Protein backbone atom coordinates (compact mmCIF):
# COMPACT_ATOMS: atom_id res chain seq x y z
CA MET A 1 327.61 25.96 399.22
CA ASP A 2 330.09 27.87 397.07
CA PRO A 3 329.57 27.06 393.38
CA PHE A 4 333.02 28.35 392.45
CA ALA A 5 334.61 25.95 394.94
CA VAL A 6 332.74 23.06 393.37
CA ILE A 7 333.82 24.19 389.90
CA GLU A 8 337.48 24.46 391.08
CA THR A 9 337.33 20.82 392.13
CA TYR A 10 337.19 19.85 388.45
CA TYR A 11 338.65 22.83 386.58
CA PRO A 12 342.09 24.38 387.36
CA LYS A 13 341.40 28.00 388.21
CA GLU A 14 344.09 29.23 385.84
CA SER A 15 342.92 27.21 382.87
CA ALA A 16 341.24 28.56 379.76
CA LEU A 17 338.38 26.10 380.17
CA TYR A 18 337.74 27.37 383.71
CA ALA A 19 337.59 30.96 382.41
CA LEU A 20 335.24 29.99 379.54
CA LEU A 21 332.96 27.98 381.84
CA VAL A 22 332.80 30.63 384.52
CA ASP A 23 332.22 33.42 382.04
CA HIS A 24 329.39 31.52 380.39
CA SER A 25 327.88 30.39 383.71
CA CYS A 26 327.96 33.94 385.08
CA GLN A 27 326.12 35.21 381.94
CA VAL A 28 323.51 32.48 382.38
CA ALA A 29 323.18 33.23 386.11
CA LYS A 30 322.68 36.96 385.43
CA LYS A 31 320.07 36.27 382.71
CA SER A 32 318.34 33.69 384.91
CA LEU A 33 318.06 36.13 387.77
CA GLU A 34 316.73 38.81 385.42
CA ILE A 35 313.98 36.43 384.24
CA ALA A 36 313.20 35.28 387.79
CA ARG A 37 312.88 38.77 389.20
CA ASN A 38 310.26 39.50 386.51
CA LEU A 39 308.34 36.45 387.87
CA ALA A 40 308.30 37.56 391.48
CA PRO A 41 304.59 36.61 392.00
CA LEU A 42 305.62 32.95 391.26
CA SER A 43 308.21 33.11 394.04
CA PRO A 44 311.20 31.55 392.21
CA ASP A 45 314.11 30.62 394.46
CA LEU A 46 316.67 33.26 393.55
CA ASP A 47 319.51 31.81 395.66
CA PHE A 48 319.04 28.37 394.10
CA ILE A 49 318.78 29.83 390.59
CA GLU A 50 322.01 31.71 390.91
CA LYS A 51 323.91 28.73 392.29
CA ALA A 52 322.40 26.16 389.93
CA ALA A 53 323.02 28.45 386.91
CA LEU A 54 326.66 28.66 387.86
CA LEU A 55 326.91 24.83 388.03
CA HIS A 56 324.69 23.84 385.10
CA ASP A 57 327.57 23.11 382.68
CA ILE A 58 330.01 21.50 385.18
CA GLY A 59 330.09 18.33 383.04
CA ILE A 60 331.57 19.85 379.88
CA PHE A 61 335.15 18.80 380.67
CA MET A 62 334.19 15.18 380.30
CA THR A 63 333.12 15.68 376.68
CA ARG A 64 334.76 15.94 373.26
CA ALA A 65 334.30 19.59 372.29
CA HIS A 66 337.64 20.74 371.00
CA ALA A 67 336.35 24.14 369.80
CA ILE A 68 335.87 25.09 373.42
CA GLY A 69 338.84 23.18 374.85
CA CYS A 70 337.16 20.04 376.10
CA GLY A 71 339.08 16.81 375.46
CA GLY A 72 336.94 14.25 377.22
CA LYS A 73 335.68 10.94 375.87
CA PHE A 74 331.89 11.55 375.72
CA PRO A 75 329.86 13.30 373.04
CA TYR A 76 329.02 16.89 374.04
CA ILE A 77 325.30 16.03 374.33
CA CYS A 78 326.22 14.01 377.42
CA HIS A 79 327.45 16.96 379.46
CA GLY A 80 324.09 17.45 381.19
CA TYR A 81 323.65 13.98 382.64
CA LEU A 82 327.39 13.82 383.43
CA GLY A 83 327.08 17.15 385.25
CA ARG A 84 324.21 15.61 387.29
CA GLN A 85 326.50 12.73 388.26
CA ILE A 86 329.19 15.11 389.34
CA LEU A 87 326.81 17.26 391.44
CA ASP A 88 325.16 14.22 393.02
CA GLU A 89 328.61 12.83 393.93
CA GLN A 90 329.36 16.19 395.60
CA GLY A 91 326.40 15.52 397.87
CA LEU A 92 324.50 18.54 396.75
CA ASP A 93 320.67 18.79 396.85
CA PRO A 94 319.48 16.60 393.91
CA ALA A 95 317.80 19.69 392.48
CA PHE A 96 321.19 20.99 391.32
CA GLY A 97 321.88 17.80 389.40
CA LEU A 98 318.51 17.90 387.78
CA VAL A 99 319.19 21.44 386.44
CA ALA A 100 322.45 20.20 384.92
CA GLU A 101 320.78 17.14 383.38
CA ARG A 102 317.68 18.92 382.02
CA HIS A 103 319.17 22.16 380.54
CA THR A 104 320.45 20.73 377.31
CA GLY A 105 318.57 22.08 374.23
CA ALA A 106 315.09 22.86 375.57
CA GLY A 107 315.10 19.55 377.34
CA ILE A 108 315.45 16.11 375.78
CA THR A 109 312.54 13.70 375.95
CA LEU A 110 312.79 9.91 376.21
CA ASP A 111 311.24 9.80 372.71
CA ASN A 112 314.01 12.14 371.43
CA ILE A 113 316.63 9.79 372.97
CA ILE A 114 315.19 6.65 371.50
CA GLN A 115 314.29 7.98 368.05
CA GLY A 116 317.57 9.81 367.69
CA GLY A 117 319.69 6.97 369.03
CA LEU A 118 321.23 9.50 371.41
CA PRO A 119 323.97 8.25 373.76
CA LEU A 120 322.04 9.22 376.86
CA PRO A 121 320.32 7.34 379.69
CA LYS A 122 316.82 6.32 378.70
CA ARG A 123 314.71 8.87 380.59
CA ASP A 124 313.09 12.27 380.09
CA MET A 125 315.48 15.10 380.64
CA VAL A 126 313.11 18.04 380.26
CA PRO A 127 312.94 20.94 382.75
CA VAL A 128 310.07 20.50 385.18
CA SER A 129 310.44 23.08 387.94
CA LEU A 130 310.08 26.85 387.43
CA GLU A 131 313.78 27.19 388.34
CA GLU A 132 314.86 24.54 385.83
CA LYS A 133 312.86 26.16 383.05
CA ILE A 134 314.30 29.63 383.80
CA ILE A 135 317.91 28.42 383.76
CA CYS A 136 317.37 26.33 380.59
CA CYS A 137 315.79 29.28 378.92
CA ALA A 138 318.53 31.72 379.96
CA ASP A 139 321.28 29.35 378.77
CA LYS A 140 320.03 29.55 375.19
CA TYR A 141 321.01 33.24 375.01
CA PHE A 142 324.77 32.50 375.36
CA SER A 143 327.19 30.37 373.43
CA LYS A 144 330.43 28.91 374.79
CA SER A 145 331.81 28.72 371.23
CA PRO A 146 334.47 31.38 370.62
CA LYS A 147 333.06 32.13 367.21
CA ASP A 148 329.59 32.73 368.57
CA GLN A 149 330.28 34.34 371.96
CA ASP A 150 329.49 37.84 370.72
CA ARG A 151 326.37 36.87 368.81
CA ILE A 152 323.22 38.56 370.03
CA MET A 153 320.51 35.98 370.49
CA THR A 154 316.89 36.99 370.36
CA PRO A 155 313.93 34.77 371.40
CA GLN A 156 312.90 34.41 367.73
CA LEU A 157 316.40 33.33 366.65
CA ILE A 158 316.59 30.80 369.50
CA ILE A 159 313.18 29.40 368.55
CA GLU A 160 314.34 29.02 364.88
CA GLU A 161 317.55 27.30 365.90
CA LEU A 162 315.88 24.98 368.36
CA SER A 163 313.14 24.18 365.76
CA ARG A 164 315.83 23.07 363.31
CA ILE A 165 317.01 20.50 365.86
CA ASN A 166 313.44 19.45 366.71
CA PRO A 167 310.19 21.39 366.21
CA ALA A 168 309.02 20.38 369.73
CA HIS A 169 312.14 22.03 371.24
CA GLY A 170 311.31 25.32 369.47
CA LYS A 171 307.75 25.06 370.61
CA ARG A 172 308.76 24.40 374.23
CA PHE A 173 311.11 27.37 374.21
CA ALA A 174 308.41 29.59 372.61
CA GLY A 175 306.10 28.59 375.50
CA TRP A 176 308.76 29.79 378.00
CA VAL A 177 309.10 33.06 376.02
CA GLU A 178 305.35 33.63 376.46
CA GLU A 179 305.29 32.38 380.09
CA PHE A 180 308.30 34.52 381.11
CA HIS A 181 307.26 37.59 379.07
CA LEU A 182 310.52 37.70 377.14
């Protein structure tokens, strides 16, 4: 499976949104592989990690995020589960769709969805597998926002930002920092 061919099904190759998505996804893939290689005794699936990291944000075009060039009808928080739908419709291994669905924030719990009145399906969307956790963690180091693309993210800064959203998200990420020796 060629992740770029899948992306090109939904994003015109010459578009600014394609360039933004591919740039971000390549950064996340590189960081994910760096983390995974440091966890060799746990035998993470490097081929899967690279491909899933390249596809994790495929659903952004369906959302309203004008700052990054997305003019869809859904709130941006929906891009994960929408990405899962896309990847499932492509007939890919369901594990790819789960990465897309579960990478938002540090994962979104059913309780987060209900208490926050979030426009998401009522289910847990928290990384479970090692590969999901690695990609979710790596994603937090890179912004798609033009104003933040050059910002250097440290584990402590990511924990602080996630904690402002929800203390449990910061705690979950902090656990990955410890687990992955970041």
